[in-house]
Amino acid sequence: MSNFSTDRPIGAFDSGVGGLTVVKAMHELLPDEDIFYLGDMARLPYGNKSPETIIRYSREIMAYLRSNNVKAVVVACNTASAHALSILQKEADIPVIGVIVPGVEAALAATRHRRIGIIGTAGTIQSDAYQSLLRRLQPDVVITAQPTPLLVPLVEEDWLSRPATELILEEYFAPMKAAKVDTVVLACTHYPLLKPLAQRVLGPDVTLVDSAQNAAAALAGELENHGLKRIPGSHAAKITIRATDLPAQFTPLAKRFLGQEISDIQKVALG
């Protein structure tokens, strides 16, 4: 007999399509789980909004996901993880996982010389969320943090292996090479698509930490701890995607980020 609490979907959200890299990692790691994703396309980007606004948006999305009976929520957005995660966790009676803590923990586990680089949007880097947590957990860590605002549009244009993108990465990574980092955190959910090119630019001795994979692993641990995992093989898992706006490019981008065909993306209103 199926267990109602374990059969409920996992909720996830981001300001746009980037969080679908996290959904893809979740689906690969937890292939029996249904996932319900909301992209807040109508109000992106989050990076230039005040913390108070991010918290309000996140609470509205949380209420929407709860109305769809989710059993856990992944905040698949670095900005919302930085500003709203702790509040959502306090207010919720289900597990709520962000992308920052798993990424930081993975970086500290990977680094050999405690020299860590971080690339992210200007908002994520300015929030100091990754840097402050790294320093709290490892006070002598040497951090090179670099805002990389050109990368999101390049990913969305599918310029994943163009010479121009490689030149821009060379420029962005120059301070990290100078600082001799041995680990780089990809602190934006768009960036996993750039991993092969970033690895080529940085070289084989630098470990890339993917926030999507580590958030998925953290989710799996939380489901296990709370007895919320579905019975393996019991179900053909379904991914449901909703968005607060559906611009023309959303569906092709979503397909590329998720790595599979998508049908029936619907527009929803919050609040």
Protein backbone atom coordinates (compact mmCIF):
# COMPACT_ATOMS: atom_id res chain seq x y z
CA MET A 1 0.00 0.00 0.00
CA SER A 2 1.38 3.45 -0.94
CA ASN A 3 2.19 6.00 1.73
CA PHE A 4 0.44 9.33 1.10
CA SER A 5 3.26 11.43 2.58
CA THR A 6 5.94 9.72 0.47
CA ASP A 7 3.83 9.85 -2.71
CA ARG A 8 3.58 13.65 -2.71
CA PRO A 9 5.79 15.62 -5.14
CA ILE A 10 8.93 17.58 -4.33
CA GLY A 11 8.56 21.32 -4.92
CA ALA A 12 11.31 23.50 -6.41
CA PHE A 13 11.50 27.12 -7.56
CA ASP A 14 13.76 29.70 -9.13
CA SER A 15 13.32 33.16 -10.59
CA GLY A 16 13.48 31.67 -14.10
CA VAL A 17 14.66 28.59 -15.98
CA GLY A 18 18.07 28.16 -14.29
CA GLY A 19 16.66 26.08 -11.45
CA LEU A 20 15.81 23.35 -13.97
CA THR A 21 19.48 22.30 -13.80
CA VAL A 22 18.73 21.49 -10.15
CA VAL A 23 15.52 19.68 -11.17
CA LYS A 24 17.54 17.65 -13.70
CA ALA A 25 20.04 16.67 -10.99
CA MET A 26 17.18 15.81 -8.60
CA HIS A 27 15.50 13.64 -11.25
CA GLU A 28 18.75 11.81 -12.03
CA LEU A 29 19.46 11.11 -8.37
CA LEU A 30 15.85 10.41 -7.34
CA PRO A 31 14.22 8.93 -10.46
CA ASP A 32 11.10 7.74 -8.59
CA GLU A 33 10.13 11.18 -7.29
CA ASP A 34 7.56 13.53 -8.84
CA ILE A 35 8.82 17.12 -9.06
CA PHE A 36 6.71 20.28 -9.23
CA TYR A 37 8.72 23.31 -10.42
CA LEU A 38 7.79 26.99 -10.55
CA GLY A 39 9.80 29.54 -12.53
CA ASP A 40 8.95 33.11 -11.49
CA MET A 41 9.54 34.51 -14.99
CA ALA A 42 7.24 37.49 -14.47
CA ARG A 43 9.48 38.95 -11.75
CA LEU A 44 13.01 38.00 -12.75
CA PRO A 45 15.80 38.80 -12.20
CA TYR A 46 15.88 38.49 -8.42
CA GLY A 47 19.47 39.69 -8.16
CA ASN A 48 18.60 43.39 -8.34
CA LYS A 49 15.70 43.22 -5.85
CA SER A 50 15.87 44.11 -2.15
CA PRO A 51 16.07 41.30 0.44
CA GLU A 52 12.57 42.24 1.65
CA THR A 53 11.16 41.79 -1.85
CA ILE A 54 12.93 38.45 -2.31
CA ILE A 55 11.49 37.24 1.00
CA ARG A 56 7.97 38.31 -0.07
CA TYR A 57 8.27 36.58 -3.44
CA SER A 58 9.66 33.44 -1.81
CA ARG A 59 6.82 33.27 0.72
CA GLU A 60 4.25 33.62 -2.07
CA ILE A 61 5.90 30.83 -4.05
CA MET A 62 6.14 28.65 -0.95
CA ALA A 63 2.40 29.09 -0.35
CA TYR A 64 1.71 28.14 -3.98
CA LEU A 65 3.89 25.02 -3.78
CA ARG A 66 2.26 24.03 -0.47
CA SER A 67 -1.16 24.37 -2.14
CA ASN A 68 0.09 21.71 -4.57
CA ASN A 69 0.78 19.38 -1.64
CA VAL A 70 4.57 19.12 -1.89
CA LYS A 71 6.47 17.13 0.74
CA ALA A 72 9.73 19.13 0.54
CA VAL A 73 10.94 22.26 -1.24
CA VAL A 74 14.25 23.00 -2.95
CA VAL A 75 15.02 26.71 -3.27
CA ALA A 76 16.82 26.31 -6.60
CA CYS A 77 17.86 29.96 -6.65
CA ASN A 78 21.03 31.43 -5.18
CA THR A 79 19.49 34.84 -4.46
CA ALA A 80 16.45 33.38 -2.70
CA SER A 81 18.70 30.94 -0.82
CA ALA A 82 20.83 33.87 0.36
CA HIS A 83 17.96 36.06 1.56
CA ALA A 84 14.90 33.91 2.26
CA LEU A 85 15.94 30.33 3.02
CA SER A 86 16.29 30.63 6.79
CA ILE A 87 12.86 32.30 7.04
CA LEU A 88 11.19 29.66 4.86
CA GLN A 89 12.79 26.92 6.97
CA LYS A 90 11.49 28.47 10.21
CA GLU A 91 7.97 28.86 8.83
CA ALA A 92 7.64 25.44 7.15
CA ASP A 93 6.80 22.05 8.63
CA ILE A 94 8.45 20.25 5.69
CA PRO A 95 12.13 20.10 4.68
CA VAL A 96 13.35 23.19 2.78
CA ILE A 97 16.76 22.95 1.10
CA GLY A 98 18.77 25.73 -0.55
CA VAL A 99 21.72 25.64 -2.93
CA ILE A 100 24.31 27.56 -0.89
CA VAL A 101 25.03 25.26 2.08
CA PRO A 102 25.41 22.11 -0.09
CA GLY A 103 27.74 24.01 -2.44
CA VAL A 104 29.90 25.36 0.39
CA GLU A 105 30.14 21.97 2.10
CA ALA A 106 31.12 20.30 -1.18
CA ALA A 107 33.76 22.98 -1.86
CA LEU A 108 35.32 22.53 1.57
CA ALA A 109 35.34 18.76 1.10
CA ALA A 110 37.01 19.12 -2.32
CA THR A 111 39.65 21.78 -1.69
CA ARG A 112 43.19 20.56 -1.11
CA HIS A 113 44.85 23.89 -0.24
CA ARG A 114 41.88 25.90 1.11
CA ARG A 115 41.95 28.19 -1.92
CA ILE A 116 38.43 28.49 -3.30
CA GLY A 117 36.98 30.55 -6.14
CA ILE A 118 33.32 31.52 -6.53
CA ILE A 119 31.58 32.70 -9.69
CA GLY A 120 27.99 33.95 -9.65
CA THR A 121 25.71 36.81 -10.56
CA ALA A 122 26.54 40.24 -9.14
CA GLY A 123 23.69 39.85 -6.63
CA THR A 124 24.95 36.50 -5.34
CA ILE A 125 28.55 37.68 -4.98
CA GLN A 126 27.48 40.97 -3.33
CA SER A 127 25.24 39.11 -0.85
CA ASP A 128 28.44 37.55 0.62
CA ALA A 129 26.41 34.41 1.37
CA TYR A 130 28.95 31.91 0.05
CA GLN A 131 31.95 33.83 1.37
CA SER A 132 30.61 34.30 4.91
CA LEU A 133 29.58 30.63 5.23
CA LEU A 134 32.95 29.46 3.90
CA ARG A 135 34.75 31.65 6.45
CA ARG A 136 32.51 30.50 9.27
CA LEU A 137 33.18 26.83 8.54
CA GLN A 138 36.85 27.25 7.57
CA PRO A 139 38.30 30.52 8.97
CA ASP A 140 41.62 30.28 7.11
CA VAL A 141 40.11 29.71 3.67
CA VAL A 142 41.38 32.01 0.90
CA ILE A 143 38.45 33.11 -1.28
CA THR A 144 38.46 34.68 -4.74
CA ALA A 145 34.91 35.76 -5.58
CA GLN A 146 34.12 36.99 -9.07
CA PRO A 147 30.80 38.36 -10.37
CA THR A 148 30.24 36.95 -13.86
CA PRO A 149 27.16 38.78 -15.24
CA LEU A 150 27.79 37.94 -18.90
CA LEU A 151 27.45 34.19 -18.39
CA VAL A 152 23.67 33.91 -17.90
CA PRO A 153 22.82 35.50 -21.29
CA LEU A 154 25.53 33.38 -22.98
CA VAL A 155 24.02 30.21 -21.53
CA GLU A 156 20.52 31.29 -22.55
CA GLU A 157 21.79 31.95 -26.10
CA ASP A 158 23.26 28.40 -26.09
CA TRP A 159 26.77 29.76 -26.60
CA LEU A 160 28.19 26.97 -24.48
CA SER A 161 31.30 26.26 -26.52
CA ARG A 162 31.79 29.39 -28.62
CA PRO A 163 35.26 31.00 -28.78
CA ALA A 164 33.75 34.24 -27.47
CA THR A 165 32.45 32.45 -24.36
CA GLU A 166 35.85 30.86 -23.81
CA LEU A 167 37.53 34.28 -24.01
CA ILE A 168 35.09 35.71 -21.46
CA LEU A 169 35.71 32.77 -19.12
CA GLU A 170 39.48 33.29 -19.48
CA GLU A 171 38.98 36.90 -18.39
CA TYR A 172 36.71 35.99 -15.46
CA PHE A 173 38.96 33.16 -14.27
CA ALA A 174 42.23 35.16 -14.52
CA PRO A 175 42.10 36.33 -10.85
CA MET A 176 41.42 32.74 -9.74
CA LYS A 177 44.36 31.39 -11.69
CA ALA A 178 46.52 34.14 -10.17
CA ALA A 179 45.27 33.15 -6.70
CA LYS A 180 46.00 29.46 -7.44
CA VAL A 181 42.53 28.27 -6.46
CA ASP A 182 42.06 24.50 -6.52
CA THR A 183 38.26 24.54 -6.31
CA VAL A 184 35.66 26.77 -7.98
CA VAL A 185 32.01 26.97 -6.93
CA LEU A 186 29.55 27.51 -9.79
CA ALA A 187 27.21 29.69 -7.72
CA CYS A 188 24.46 30.10 -10.31
CA THR A 189 22.00 27.49 -11.51
CA HIS A 190 22.71 28.40 -15.16
CA TYR A 191 26.39 27.56 -14.84
CA PRO A 192 26.31 23.73 -14.83
CA LEU A 193 25.78 23.97 -18.60
CA LEU A 194 29.19 25.70 -18.83
CA LYS A 195 31.04 23.03 -16.85
CA PRO A 196 32.91 21.42 -19.78
CA LEU A 197 34.18 24.76 -21.07
CA ALA A 198 34.99 26.07 -17.57
CA GLN A 199 36.97 22.90 -16.85
CA ARG A 200 38.94 23.35 -20.05
CA VAL A 201 39.77 26.97 -19.18
CA LEU A 202 40.74 26.21 -15.56
CA GLY A 203 42.55 22.95 -16.27
CA PRO A 204 42.21 19.45 -14.84
CA ASP A 205 43.68 20.27 -11.41
CA VAL A 206 40.78 22.56 -10.44
CA THR A 207 37.63 20.92 -9.04
CA LEU A 208 34.33 22.45 -10.14
CA VAL A 209 31.55 22.36 -7.57
CA ASP A 210 28.10 22.21 -9.15
CA SER A 211 25.34 23.66 -6.95
CA ALA A 212 22.72 21.57 -8.77
CA GLN A 213 24.29 18.19 -8.00
CA ASN A 214 25.01 19.07 -4.39
CA ALA A 215 21.52 20.45 -3.73
CA ALA A 216 20.07 17.22 -5.13
CA ALA A 217 22.30 15.19 -2.81
CA ALA A 218 21.22 17.32 0.17
CA LEU A 219 17.58 16.78 -0.77
CA ALA A 220 18.07 13.01 -0.96
CA GLY A 221 19.55 13.07 2.55
CA GLU A 222 16.63 15.10 3.91
CA LEU A 223 14.04 12.78 2.35
CA GLU A 224 15.84 9.80 3.86
CA ASN A 225 16.04 11.43 7.30
CA HIS A 226 12.33 12.29 7.31
CA GLY A 227 11.13 8.98 5.87
CA LEU A 228 9.78 10.76 2.78
CA LYS A 229 11.45 8.81 -0.05
CA ARG A 230 9.21 7.01 -2.51
CA ILE A 231 9.51 3.24 -2.77
CA PRO A 232 12.00 2.60 -5.63
CA GLY A 233 10.42 1.32 -8.83
CA SER A 234 6.90 1.98 -7.58
CA HIS A 235 6.08 4.82 -9.95
CA ALA A 236 6.79 6.47 -13.31
CA ALA A 237 7.98 9.86 -12.10
CA LYS A 238 6.52 13.06 -13.53
CA ILE A 239 8.03 16.55 -13.78
CA THR A 240 5.46 19.36 -13.76
CA ILE A 241 6.59 22.85 -14.79
CA ARG A 242 4.68 26.06 -14.11
CA ALA A 243 5.72 29.68 -14.72
CA THR A 244 4.38 33.08 -13.74
CA ASP A 245 4.97 34.22 -17.33
CA LEU A 246 5.57 32.30 -20.55
CA PRO A 247 7.78 34.31 -22.90
CA ALA A 248 8.52 32.68 -26.25
CA GLN A 249 11.97 31.47 -25.23
CA PHE A 250 10.84 29.76 -22.01
CA THR A 251 9.91 26.36 -23.45
CA PRO A 252 13.06 25.84 -25.59
CA LEU A 253 15.24 27.03 -22.69
CA ALA A 254 13.44 24.76 -20.25
CA LYS A 255 13.94 21.80 -22.59
CA ARG A 256 17.67 22.52 -22.85
CA PHE A 257 18.17 23.04 -19.10
CA LEU A 258 16.20 19.93 -18.20
CA GLY A 259 17.72 17.82 -20.97
CA GLN A 260 14.42 16.27 -22.06
CA GLU A 261 11.19 16.96 -23.90
CA ILE A 262 8.64 19.00 -21.96
CA SER A 263 4.90 19.22 -22.50
CA ASP A 264 2.08 21.18 -20.93
CA ILE A 265 3.94 24.10 -19.31
CA GLN A 266 1.24 26.30 -17.86
CA LYS A 267 1.20 29.93 -16.71
CA VAL A 268 -0.01 30.55 -13.16
CA ALA A 269 -0.78 33.65 -11.08
CA LEU A 270 0.48 33.96 -7.51
CA GLY A 271 -1.24 35.59 -4.57
